[in-house]
Every structure is written in structure tokens, then in C-alpha cells.
């Protein structure tokens, strides 16, 4: 990577680095990720994440390892409601497979070879009986035996280890107060841990062919309602179908964000967390995009957003003083709490017209449809105020507005007060849309 590209990427990551410091991340690493040999590379990224101040809880599964070992022992496996019926012989296999998988993960996280990304990391790994489990019992007449579910998470014990700078590693076996061990699912343990810890993020790792796409493109964000609709529509991979309900539950019970990230793409975890465009699918409880009226505190961000377009001559130069005086006429579009777009509406009620001005979207979000959202927002605001026609003056984006119903018009069509301040040196073209 060229030094300039590195500098720009590092600067782009800076807000995320600051935001994630001392935040708790629960990483759900299934047995398929381990079996595919992805853990050594993932361990490097986890170490980097920890070195930047994130608090890491890693929950692992061992489903394919259990199946392989059961086959070697000649054990017949029975499933009910997509859960393994765990008899005593199978439970012995579960213990062995989970133990071996945990060993492999710990070994990868402990590597600190010279000339490697983990040199000097010295990441401490903490474990313990953080789960209290109970049996599933009898379901539809089927005794699930040693198959269980989470009864309680020792969030105090986990937090104590995290505050001591340790990565907490949790396996998918839980213990009851009577001393019995139960076979749990990784996704339930990870979800319950994230909820109990009020985690900033819960992250599931999935295969490349399980990544959620629409029209050939990765779906970068979903809210809970969209997830429900996608599950009802069907057509999702087995992994996505298993993890998305967990994502919805987690976000509805206090987890800020849930991510589905490819385990096959090198560096996908870092790309998802530290870039604006991400790499996988992020699930949030509420829609990630909202449009609100700007306030005086937003002037600095507004200037930063429109400055590149002013430099290119796409937008007319506006001073800070003008922006401060007119700030109430501006609306800002936020994506996941970050300002990504703006627009202004200057009304001329006597003429039944309003000007759409200063429509801008940040460079990395210009393909996200945010300009369309801001246009619709202004149109709706104008209708509510009884405005019949919307006009815009532009030098370089005429086609965009024409495609959205604006029609070229002479300067004389504008309100007289707007004609009087027309910039004849800039020679902007006039377009009007009847609402």
C-alpha cells in the first residue's frame, strides 16, 4: 500500500478507534471457522483490536468437530428442532471436541512470533465458569438429555476479567448448580453474553456464500424490521437464518450493533469495524439513517461536508457567518450517528415557491441513495408548508435534477427577491418542479 493511501485509511479509522476504546465486543466464532483454518489470521486481527483498547469476549462453537468425532466413535446422532439430542456418550464427545477447539483457539491467540503482526502482543486469555445452564427437557415428547440452554451469565465475573485487560474465552458448554454439564449452541451463548454485558457489538463469522446480498451487492445494513421481513421471505443461507434472529433479539435487548462478517475474506473484521463502507452486514434495532434539522452546534460538521464541493465549484461558497444565520433552514442526514449529507430549503411563501439549495452527500456515501432521501425530505417539508413549486439553481448537476422531475425554466420564473441576488458570473441554470 502506498504511504499516502495508508495515511488516508488510518485517518478514516481514527473516529472508530476512539469510539471503540473500552467498549465490549462479543465475537462468535463457530466451529466451521476453526475447521476452515481461519483462526490464525483472525487471531491477528483480534489482537490488533484488543491493542486498540477494545474489550474482547470470544465465544466459540465446535459443531463440525463434534460431528467428526462422533462419526469416528460410531455414534448415531439424533436431532430435534435443529438441536442435537445429547446422550451421555455424545456428551463425552462434546467435551473432547470443545476442549480441542478451545486449545486450538488459545494457541492461535497466544502466538507472538518475531516479524509477525502479533509480535509483542502478550494477550492474556481468561476463562471460567461464567455460564449457568439448565436442560432443555422434553420437547414434543423427545428427551433432549444433556442438551441445554443458558440460564444465567456471570457478567460481573466477565467484566472483572475484561477490566484486568484479559480476553475472555467462553466455550459452548454450561454447568448447572448440580454440577452437570450441558451442550449449548454457540449463537445462544454469544447472544446472551452480549445482552448481559450490554456489549457495543456482537459479531458472527459466516462463510462467503452466506453473506447477505441484494442484486449481487452485499447488504451493508438492516434494521430489525428488515430482518424480520428477510426471514419471512426465506432464501437465506443456513448460517444467516440461524444468526439473524439472534441479531434481532440482541439489538432489541440493548446490544448496539450486530454484524455478520465473512470468515473467508482476509481482514474482513477490520474492514467492517474501521471503514465507512464495511465488509459485511450490520444489524441495528432502528433504521440507521435519519434526517433532522441542523443546529448551531452542527456548523463545523456542515462546513467540512460542503467544503470539497465548494472547492470543485459544484456548490457556491458559503461563509460560516451565513451558515450560522441560516442554520435553521438546513437539514442533516445522519448514518449511524455520522453526518453524511445536508440540504437547505429557503421558502418564498408569497410566491408559493421554495429553493432547494446546498444538497450535498459525503463522497463515500454518494451511491447509497442519500441524495434522493434529502430531495424527498425537502419536497415533503415544502408540501406541508403549502409550497406549490420547488426550484434549484445548478451549474454541474442539471441531469440529476431533470431525472427527478425538474424542468428547465427562465430566470424570470423565480421570485423577484431571488432574481435580484442571482449571480450572473456563476450563470447557474434554473430548474423548477411542481409538487
Protein backbone atom coordinates (compact mmCIF):
# COMPACT_ATOMS: atom_id res chain seq x y z
CA UNK A 1 0.00 0.00 0.00
CA UNK A 2 1.32 3.46 -0.85
CA UNK A 3 2.15 5.64 2.15
CA UNK A 4 -0.48 8.20 1.14
CA UNK A 5 -3.20 5.54 0.96
CA UNK A 6 -2.13 4.23 4.37
CA UNK A 7 -2.33 7.71 5.90
CA UNK A 8 -5.82 8.30 4.47
CA UNK A 9 -7.02 4.88 5.67
CA UNK A 10 -5.57 5.44 9.14
CA UNK A 11 -7.27 8.83 9.37
CA UNK A 12 -10.56 7.28 8.26
CA UNK A 13 -10.21 4.71 11.06
CA UNK A 14 -9.43 7.29 13.77
CA UNK A 15 -13.05 8.07 14.78
CA UNK A 16 -13.77 4.35 15.11
CA UNK A 17 -10.63 3.74 17.17
CA UNK A 18 -11.71 6.47 19.58
CA UNK A 19 -15.31 5.22 19.69
CA UNK A 20 -14.37 1.59 20.39
CA UNK A 21 -11.87 2.17 23.19
CA UNK A 22 -13.05 0.39 26.40
CA UNK A 23 -16.13 -0.94 24.58
CA UNK A 24 -17.08 -4.61 24.85
CA UNK A 25 -17.17 -6.74 21.69
CA UNK A 26 -18.53 -10.29 21.71
CA UNK A 27 -17.08 -12.35 18.86
CA UNK A 28 -18.95 -15.54 17.95
CA UNK A 29 -16.51 -17.92 16.26
CA UNK A 30 -18.23 -21.10 15.10
CA UNK A 31 -16.56 -24.46 14.66
CA UNK A 32 -16.70 -24.05 10.88
CA UNK A 33 -14.36 -21.07 11.14
CA UNK A 34 -11.89 -23.18 13.13
CA UNK A 35 -12.22 -26.17 10.78
CA UNK A 36 -11.57 -23.94 7.75
CA UNK A 37 -8.22 -22.88 9.22
CA UNK A 38 -9.24 -19.23 9.58
CA UNK A 39 -8.34 -18.82 13.26
CA UNK A 40 -4.63 -17.86 12.89
CA UNK A 41 -5.46 -14.93 10.59
CA UNK A 42 -8.46 -13.94 12.69
CA UNK A 43 -6.31 -14.07 15.82
CA UNK A 44 -4.04 -11.39 14.38
CA UNK A 45 -7.00 -9.05 13.86
CA UNK A 46 -8.39 -9.82 17.32
CA UNK A 47 -5.02 -8.98 18.87
CA UNK A 48 -4.97 -5.70 16.97
CA UNK A 49 -8.50 -4.92 18.12
CA UNK A 50 -7.51 -5.61 21.73
CA UNK A 51 -4.37 -3.48 21.41
CA UNK A 52 -6.59 -0.55 20.35
CA UNK A 53 -8.45 -0.76 23.65
CA UNK A 54 -11.49 -2.88 22.81
CA UNK A 55 -12.59 -5.43 25.40
CA UNK A 56 -12.99 -8.81 23.75
CA UNK A 57 -15.20 -11.75 24.70
CA UNK A 58 -14.74 -14.66 22.30
CA UNK A 59 -17.40 -17.37 22.29
CA UNK A 60 -16.60 -20.45 20.22
CA UNK A 61 -18.55 -23.39 18.92
CA UNK A 62 -17.47 -26.86 17.81
CA UNK A 63 -20.32 -28.31 15.75
CA UNK A 64 -18.30 -29.86 12.87
CA UNK A 65 -15.65 -31.08 15.33
CA UNK A 66 -18.37 -32.85 17.36
CA UNK A 67 -19.83 -34.45 14.23
CA UNK A 68 -16.41 -35.65 13.06
CA UNK A 69 -15.51 -37.15 16.43
CA UNK A 70 -18.94 -38.75 16.83
CA UNK A 71 -18.53 -40.39 13.42
CA UNK A 72 -15.10 -41.71 14.42
CA UNK A 73 -16.67 -43.27 17.53
CA UNK A 74 -19.55 -44.71 15.51
CA UNK A 75 -22.15 -42.73 17.44
CA UNK A 76 -25.55 -42.22 15.85
CA UNK A 77 -26.61 -38.58 16.08
CA UNK A 78 -30.24 -37.54 16.59
CA UNK A 79 -31.61 -34.03 16.08
CA UNK A 80 -34.88 -32.44 17.12
CA UNK A 81 -35.92 -28.88 16.35
CA UNK A 82 -32.48 -28.42 14.80
CA UNK A 83 -30.78 -29.26 18.11
CA UNK A 84 -28.57 -32.26 18.80
CA UNK A 85 -30.03 -34.74 21.31
CA UNK A 86 -27.03 -35.15 23.62
CA UNK A 87 -26.92 -38.55 25.31
CA UNK A 88 -24.09 -39.45 27.76
CA UNK A 89 -21.85 -40.90 25.03
CA UNK A 90 -22.36 -37.84 22.83
CA UNK A 91 -21.67 -35.56 25.80
CA UNK A 92 -18.27 -37.20 26.20
CA UNK A 93 -17.59 -36.42 22.54
CA UNK A 94 -18.80 -32.83 23.04
CA UNK A 95 -16.34 -32.36 25.90
CA UNK A 96 -13.45 -33.66 23.80
CA UNK A 97 -14.33 -31.65 20.69
CA UNK A 98 -14.96 -28.42 22.58
CA UNK A 99 -11.75 -28.86 24.57
CA UNK A 100 -9.66 -29.46 21.45
CA UNK A 101 -11.24 -26.48 19.67
CA UNK A 102 -10.62 -24.23 22.66
CA UNK A 103 -6.99 -25.38 22.73
CA UNK A 104 -6.57 -24.50 19.04
CA UNK A 105 -8.04 -21.01 19.54
CA UNK A 106 -5.91 -20.33 22.62
CA UNK A 107 -2.78 -21.43 20.76
CA UNK A 108 -3.52 -19.07 17.87
CA UNK A 109 -4.23 -16.14 20.19
CA UNK A 110 -1.01 -16.79 22.12
CA UNK A 111 1.34 -16.63 19.14
CA UNK A 112 3.90 -13.83 19.38
CA UNK A 113 6.49 -14.65 16.76
CA UNK A 114 9.03 -12.02 15.63
CA UNK A 115 8.20 -10.35 12.30
CA UNK A 116 4.51 -11.20 12.74
CA UNK A 117 1.60 -8.81 13.39
CA UNK A 118 1.28 -10.32 16.89
CA UNK A 119 4.88 -9.78 17.94
CA UNK A 120 4.92 -8.35 21.45
CA UNK A 121 1.16 -8.64 21.90
CA UNK A 122 1.18 -10.82 25.06
CA UNK A 123 -2.59 -11.12 25.07
CA UNK A 124 -3.82 -12.71 28.29
CA UNK A 125 -6.69 -15.16 27.96
CA UNK A 126 -9.17 -15.61 30.79
CA UNK A 127 -11.69 -18.37 31.28
CA UNK A 128 -14.03 -19.64 33.96
CA UNK A 129 -17.43 -21.00 34.80
CA UNK A 130 -19.22 -17.89 33.54
CA UNK A 131 -22.29 -19.80 32.32
CA UNK A 132 -25.06 -21.38 34.34
CA UNK A 133 -27.03 -23.82 32.20
CA UNK A 134 -30.14 -25.90 32.52
CA UNK A 135 -31.56 -28.77 30.46
CA UNK A 136 -33.93 -28.15 27.60
CA UNK A 137 -36.00 -31.00 29.00
CA UNK A 138 -38.59 -32.86 26.98
CA UNK A 139 -39.67 -31.21 23.71
CA UNK A 140 -42.59 -32.69 21.81
CA UNK A 141 -42.09 -35.94 23.67
CA UNK A 142 -38.35 -36.05 22.93
CA UNK A 143 -36.00 -36.01 25.93
CA UNK A 144 -33.12 -33.72 24.96
CA UNK A 145 -30.99 -35.21 27.78
CA UNK A 146 -27.75 -33.19 28.10
CA UNK A 147 -28.74 -30.58 25.55
CA UNK A 148 -29.31 -27.35 27.42
CA UNK A 149 -29.74 -23.62 27.22
CA UNK A 150 -28.29 -20.65 29.08
CA UNK A 151 -29.85 -19.91 32.44
CA UNK A 152 -27.54 -17.12 33.59
CA UNK A 153 -24.40 -15.24 32.57
CA UNK A 154 -21.92 -14.13 35.22
CA UNK A 155 -21.50 -10.66 33.77
CA UNK A 156 -19.73 -9.40 36.90
CA UNK A 157 -17.07 -12.10 36.63
CA UNK A 158 -16.57 -11.45 32.91
CA UNK A 159 -16.33 -7.68 33.42
CA UNK A 160 -13.73 -8.20 36.15
CA UNK A 161 -11.54 -10.14 33.71
CA UNK A 162 -12.07 -7.60 30.92
CA UNK A 163 -11.15 -4.70 33.18
CA UNK A 164 -7.95 -6.55 34.05
CA UNK A 165 -7.03 -6.45 30.35
CA UNK A 166 -7.82 -10.09 29.56
CA UNK A 167 -9.58 -11.55 26.56
CA UNK A 168 -12.36 -13.76 27.91
CA UNK A 169 -12.77 -17.08 26.08
CA UNK A 170 -16.07 -18.90 26.57
CA UNK A 171 -16.91 -22.37 25.28
CA UNK A 172 -20.34 -23.66 24.39
CA UNK A 173 -20.65 -25.90 27.45
CA UNK A 174 -22.52 -24.74 30.54
CA UNK A 175 -22.83 -26.15 34.04
CA UNK A 176 -25.85 -26.47 36.29
CA UNK A 177 -25.87 -25.84 40.05
CA UNK A 178 -25.97 -29.64 40.48
CA UNK A 179 -22.65 -29.95 38.65
CA UNK A 180 -23.97 -31.37 35.39
CA UNK A 181 -22.56 -30.21 32.05
CA UNK A 182 -24.83 -29.31 29.13
CA UNK A 183 -24.25 -28.92 25.42
CA UNK A 184 -25.19 -25.37 24.33
CA UNK A 185 -25.25 -23.58 21.00
CA UNK A 186 -22.58 -21.00 20.29
CA UNK A 187 -25.11 -18.49 18.96
CA UNK A 188 -27.22 -18.61 22.13
CA UNK A 189 -24.19 -18.27 24.42
CA UNK A 190 -22.81 -15.35 22.39
CA UNK A 191 -26.17 -13.59 22.23
CA UNK A 192 -26.87 -14.00 25.94
CA UNK A 193 -23.36 -12.83 26.83
CA UNK A 194 -23.69 -9.74 24.62
CA UNK A 195 -27.04 -8.87 26.18
CA UNK A 196 -25.80 -9.40 29.76
CA UNK A 197 -22.70 -7.30 29.14
CA UNK A 198 -24.59 -4.59 27.21
CA UNK A 199 -21.97 -5.08 24.52
CA UNK A 200 -21.25 -2.46 21.91
CA UNK A 201 -21.08 -5.16 19.23
CA UNK A 202 -21.90 -8.81 18.69
CA UNK A 203 -20.09 -10.24 15.67
CA UNK A 204 -20.83 -13.54 13.92
CA UNK A 205 -18.43 -15.02 11.36
CA UNK A 206 -20.03 -16.69 8.35
CA UNK A 207 -18.98 -18.24 5.05
CA UNK A 208 -18.58 -16.06 1.97
CA UNK A 209 -21.58 -17.71 0.32
CA UNK A 210 -23.69 -16.94 3.40
CA UNK A 211 -23.15 -13.19 3.22
CA UNK A 212 -26.46 -11.38 2.67
CA UNK A 213 -26.68 -9.86 -0.80
CA UNK A 214 -29.22 -7.97 -2.89
CA UNK A 215 -28.80 -7.64 -6.68
CA UNK A 216 -25.28 -9.01 -6.37
CA UNK A 217 -24.19 -6.44 -3.76
CA UNK A 218 -23.58 -7.07 -0.05
CA UNK A 219 -26.41 -5.65 2.07
CA UNK A 220 -24.46 -3.39 4.41
CA UNK A 221 -27.20 -2.51 6.90
CA UNK A 222 -30.51 -3.91 8.11
CA UNK A 223 -32.83 -2.79 10.87
CA UNK A 224 -34.85 -5.24 12.94
CA UNK A 225 -37.95 -4.83 10.79
CA UNK A 226 -35.99 -5.57 7.61
CA UNK A 227 -34.50 -8.68 9.21
CA UNK A 228 -37.96 -9.95 10.13
CA UNK A 229 -39.09 -9.41 6.53
CA UNK A 230 -36.00 -11.17 5.12
CA UNK A 231 -36.51 -14.18 7.39
CA UNK A 232 -40.16 -14.41 6.39
CA UNK A 233 -39.29 -14.19 2.69
CA UNK A 234 -36.78 -17.04 3.02
CA UNK A 235 -33.93 -17.82 0.64
CA UNK A 236 -31.21 -17.10 3.21
CA UNK A 237 -28.30 -19.40 3.96
CA UNK A 238 -28.39 -21.76 6.95
CA UNK A 239 -25.91 -19.59 8.84
CA UNK A 240 -27.72 -16.33 8.12
CA UNK A 241 -31.05 -17.92 9.11
CA UNK A 242 -29.54 -19.07 12.41
CA UNK A 243 -27.80 -15.82 13.33
CA UNK A 244 -30.23 -13.13 12.18
CA UNK A 245 -32.89 -13.96 14.82
CA UNK A 246 -30.10 -13.71 17.41
CA UNK A 247 -29.15 -10.33 15.95
CA UNK A 248 -32.70 -9.02 16.26
CA UNK A 249 -33.02 -10.26 19.84
CA UNK A 250 -29.67 -8.79 20.84
CA UNK A 251 -30.39 -5.33 19.41
CA UNK A 252 -33.85 -5.27 20.97
CA UNK A 253 -32.33 -6.12 24.36
CA UNK A 254 -29.61 -3.48 24.45
CA UNK A 255 -26.73 -4.51 22.15
CA UNK A 256 -25.84 -1.52 19.99
CA UNK A 257 -24.95 -3.33 16.76
CA UNK A 258 -24.71 -6.90 15.47
CA UNK A 259 -22.50 -7.76 12.48
CA UNK A 260 -22.36 -10.73 10.13
CA UNK A 261 -18.82 -10.82 8.72
CA UNK A 262 -17.12 -13.17 6.28
CA UNK A 263 -14.72 -15.64 7.84
CA UNK A 264 -13.17 -16.32 4.41
CA UNK A 265 -12.14 -12.77 3.50
CA UNK A 266 -8.78 -11.78 4.97
CA UNK A 267 -9.15 -8.71 7.19
CA UNK A 268 -12.95 -8.63 6.90
CA UNK A 269 -13.31 -7.94 10.63
CA UNK A 270 -11.09 -4.84 10.46
CA UNK A 271 -12.74 -3.62 7.26
CA UNK A 272 -16.18 -3.96 8.83
CA UNK A 273 -15.23 -2.12 12.00
CA UNK A 274 -12.80 0.58 10.86
CA UNK A 275 -14.03 1.75 7.44
CA UNK A 276 -17.08 3.72 6.38
CA UNK A 277 -18.12 1.15 3.79
CA UNK A 278 -17.61 -2.01 5.90
CA UNK A 279 -17.46 -5.53 4.51
CA UNK A 280 -20.46 -7.43 5.87
CA UNK A 281 -23.98 -6.77 7.13
CA UNK A 282 -24.70 -4.67 10.22
CA UNK A 283 -27.99 -5.08 12.09
CA UNK A 284 -29.43 -2.34 14.29
CA UNK A 285 -32.70 -2.11 16.19
CA UNK A 286 -33.81 1.07 14.46
CA UNK A 287 -33.14 2.46 10.97
CA UNK A 288 -29.56 3.72 10.74
CA UNK A 289 -30.47 6.73 8.61
CA UNK A 290 -32.33 9.76 9.91
CA UNK A 291 -32.79 13.33 8.73
CA UNK A 292 -33.03 16.15 11.27
CA UNK A 293 -32.94 19.92 11.43
CA UNK A 294 -29.44 21.33 11.87
CA UNK A 295 -28.44 23.30 14.97
CA UNK A 296 -25.70 25.83 15.62
CA UNK A 297 -23.51 23.03 17.01
CA UNK A 298 -23.55 21.41 13.57
CA UNK A 299 -21.94 24.31 11.69
CA UNK A 300 -18.42 22.86 11.87
CA UNK A 301 -19.55 19.49 10.51
CA UNK A 302 -21.61 21.23 7.83
CA UNK A 303 -18.60 23.23 6.66
CA UNK A 304 -16.49 20.07 6.50
CA UNK A 305 -19.16 18.32 4.43
CA UNK A 306 -19.66 21.02 1.80
CA UNK A 307 -16.07 22.34 1.55
CA UNK A 308 -14.91 19.75 -1.06
CA UNK A 309 -17.92 20.53 -3.29
CA UNK A 310 -17.32 24.25 -2.92
CA UNK A 311 -13.70 23.74 -3.96
CA UNK A 312 -14.89 21.93 -7.10
CA UNK A 313 -17.33 24.72 -7.92
CA UNK A 314 -20.34 22.42 -7.57
CA UNK A 315 -21.66 24.43 -4.62
CA UNK A 316 -21.42 28.17 -4.15
CA UNK A 317 -19.11 29.27 -1.34
CA UNK A 318 -20.89 29.97 1.96
CA UNK A 319 -19.21 31.75 4.88
CA UNK A 320 -19.50 30.49 8.45
CA UNK A 321 -21.47 33.63 9.31
CA UNK A 322 -24.07 32.93 6.61
CA UNK A 323 -24.37 29.30 7.68
CA UNK A 324 -24.83 30.30 11.30
CA UNK A 325 -27.57 32.79 10.39
CA UNK A 326 -29.41 30.31 8.15
CA UNK A 327 -28.71 27.11 10.11
CA UNK A 328 -32.38 26.57 10.91
CA UNK A 329 -33.10 26.20 7.19
CA UNK A 330 -30.69 23.26 6.85
CA UNK A 331 -31.38 19.57 7.37
CA UNK A 332 -28.71 16.95 8.02
CA UNK A 333 -28.74 13.27 7.12
CA UNK A 334 -27.08 11.01 9.69
CA UNK A 335 -25.99 7.44 9.06
CA UNK A 336 -25.21 5.50 12.23
CA UNK A 337 -24.69 8.79 14.08
CA UNK A 338 -22.35 10.35 11.50
CA UNK A 339 -23.36 13.31 9.33
CA UNK A 340 -23.27 12.17 5.70
CA UNK A 341 -25.48 14.67 3.87
CA UNK A 342 -27.19 18.05 4.01
CA UNK A 343 -29.76 20.18 2.21
CA UNK A 344 -31.32 23.60 2.70
CA UNK A 345 -34.77 24.89 1.86
CA UNK A 346 -35.29 28.64 1.51
CA UNK A 347 -39.01 29.44 1.32
CA UNK A 348 -40.63 32.28 -0.62
CA UNK A 349 -44.21 31.88 0.65
CA UNK A 350 -45.58 34.94 -1.16
CA UNK A 351 -44.65 33.30 -4.46
CA UNK A 352 -45.65 29.82 -3.39
CA UNK A 353 -42.10 28.66 -4.11
CA UNK A 354 -39.06 27.38 -2.24
CA UNK A 355 -35.43 26.95 -3.22
CA UNK A 356 -33.67 23.63 -2.71
CA UNK A 357 -30.04 24.55 -2.02
CA UNK A 358 -26.77 23.10 -0.79
CA UNK A 359 -27.66 19.47 -1.47
CA UNK A 360 -24.52 17.53 -0.60
CA UNK A 361 -23.56 13.96 0.32
CA UNK A 362 -20.16 12.79 1.57
CA UNK A 363 -18.01 11.13 -1.09
CA UNK A 364 -18.07 7.64 0.45
CA UNK A 365 -21.88 7.60 0.60
CA UNK A 366 -22.85 9.01 -2.79
CA UNK A 367 -24.02 5.62 -4.07
CA UNK A 368 -26.27 4.99 -1.05
CA UNK A 369 -29.30 6.95 -2.29
CA UNK A 370 -28.92 9.66 0.34
CA UNK A 371 -29.33 12.48 -2.20
CA UNK A 372 -32.71 11.04 -3.16
CA UNK A 373 -33.71 10.87 0.52
CA UNK A 374 -32.78 14.50 1.09
CA UNK A 375 -34.71 15.58 -2.01
CA UNK A 376 -37.82 13.72 -0.82
CA UNK A 377 -37.41 15.26 2.62
CA UNK A 378 -37.42 18.80 1.18
CA UNK A 379 -40.37 18.01 -1.07
CA UNK A 380 -42.38 16.76 1.91
CA UNK A 381 -41.41 19.78 4.01
CA UNK A 382 -42.45 22.10 1.18
CA UNK A 383 -45.83 20.41 0.77
CA UNK A 384 -46.53 20.73 4.49
CA UNK A 385 -45.91 24.47 4.24
CA UNK A 386 -48.20 24.86 1.25
CA UNK A 387 -45.40 25.39 -1.25
CA UNK A 388 -46.53 24.58 -4.80
CA UNK A 389 -43.21 24.67 -6.65
CA UNK A 390 -39.62 23.85 -5.80
CA UNK A 391 -36.69 25.36 -7.70
CA UNK A 392 -32.97 24.76 -7.82
CA UNK A 393 -30.01 26.61 -9.32
CA UNK A 394 -27.17 24.40 -10.50
CA UNK A 395 -24.09 24.52 -12.71
CA UNK A 396 -22.98 20.88 -12.87
CA UNK A 397 -25.80 18.58 -11.71
CA UNK A 398 -28.62 19.51 -14.08
CA UNK A 399 -29.22 15.97 -15.34
CA UNK A 400 -29.65 14.59 -11.81
CA UNK A 401 -32.48 17.03 -11.15
CA UNK A 402 -34.07 16.57 -14.58
CA UNK A 403 -34.21 12.82 -13.95
CA UNK A 404 -36.20 13.58 -10.80
CA UNK A 405 -38.88 15.73 -12.36
CA UNK A 406 -37.32 19.19 -12.54
CA UNK A 407 -37.82 21.19 -15.72
CA UNK A 408 -35.57 23.93 -17.14
CA UNK A 409 -37.05 27.41 -16.65
CA UNK A 410 -36.03 31.04 -17.28
CA UNK A 411 -34.72 33.22 -14.50
CA UNK A 412 -37.89 35.31 -14.71
CA UNK A 413 -39.86 32.36 -13.23
CA UNK A 414 -38.13 32.80 -9.87
CA UNK A 415 -39.43 35.04 -7.08
CA UNK A 416 -38.32 38.63 -7.61
CA UNK A 417 -36.16 38.71 -4.45
CA UNK A 418 -34.28 35.63 -5.66
CA UNK A 419 -33.81 37.15 -9.12
CA UNK A 420 -32.23 40.22 -7.54
CA UNK A 421 -29.45 38.19 -5.89
CA UNK A 422 -28.78 35.95 -8.90
CA UNK A 423 -25.04 35.54 -9.58
CA UNK A 424 -24.56 36.35 -13.28
CA UNK A 425 -20.88 35.40 -13.13
CA UNK A 426 -21.72 31.88 -11.93
CA UNK A 427 -24.56 31.62 -14.51
CA UNK A 428 -26.38 28.79 -12.77
CA UNK A 429 -29.21 27.11 -14.68
CA UNK A 430 -32.71 27.26 -13.24
CA UNK A 431 -34.91 24.19 -12.82
CA UNK A 432 -38.40 24.03 -11.33
CA UNK A 433 -40.53 21.12 -10.11
CA UNK A 434 -44.25 21.35 -9.49
CA UNK A 435 -45.17 19.48 -6.31
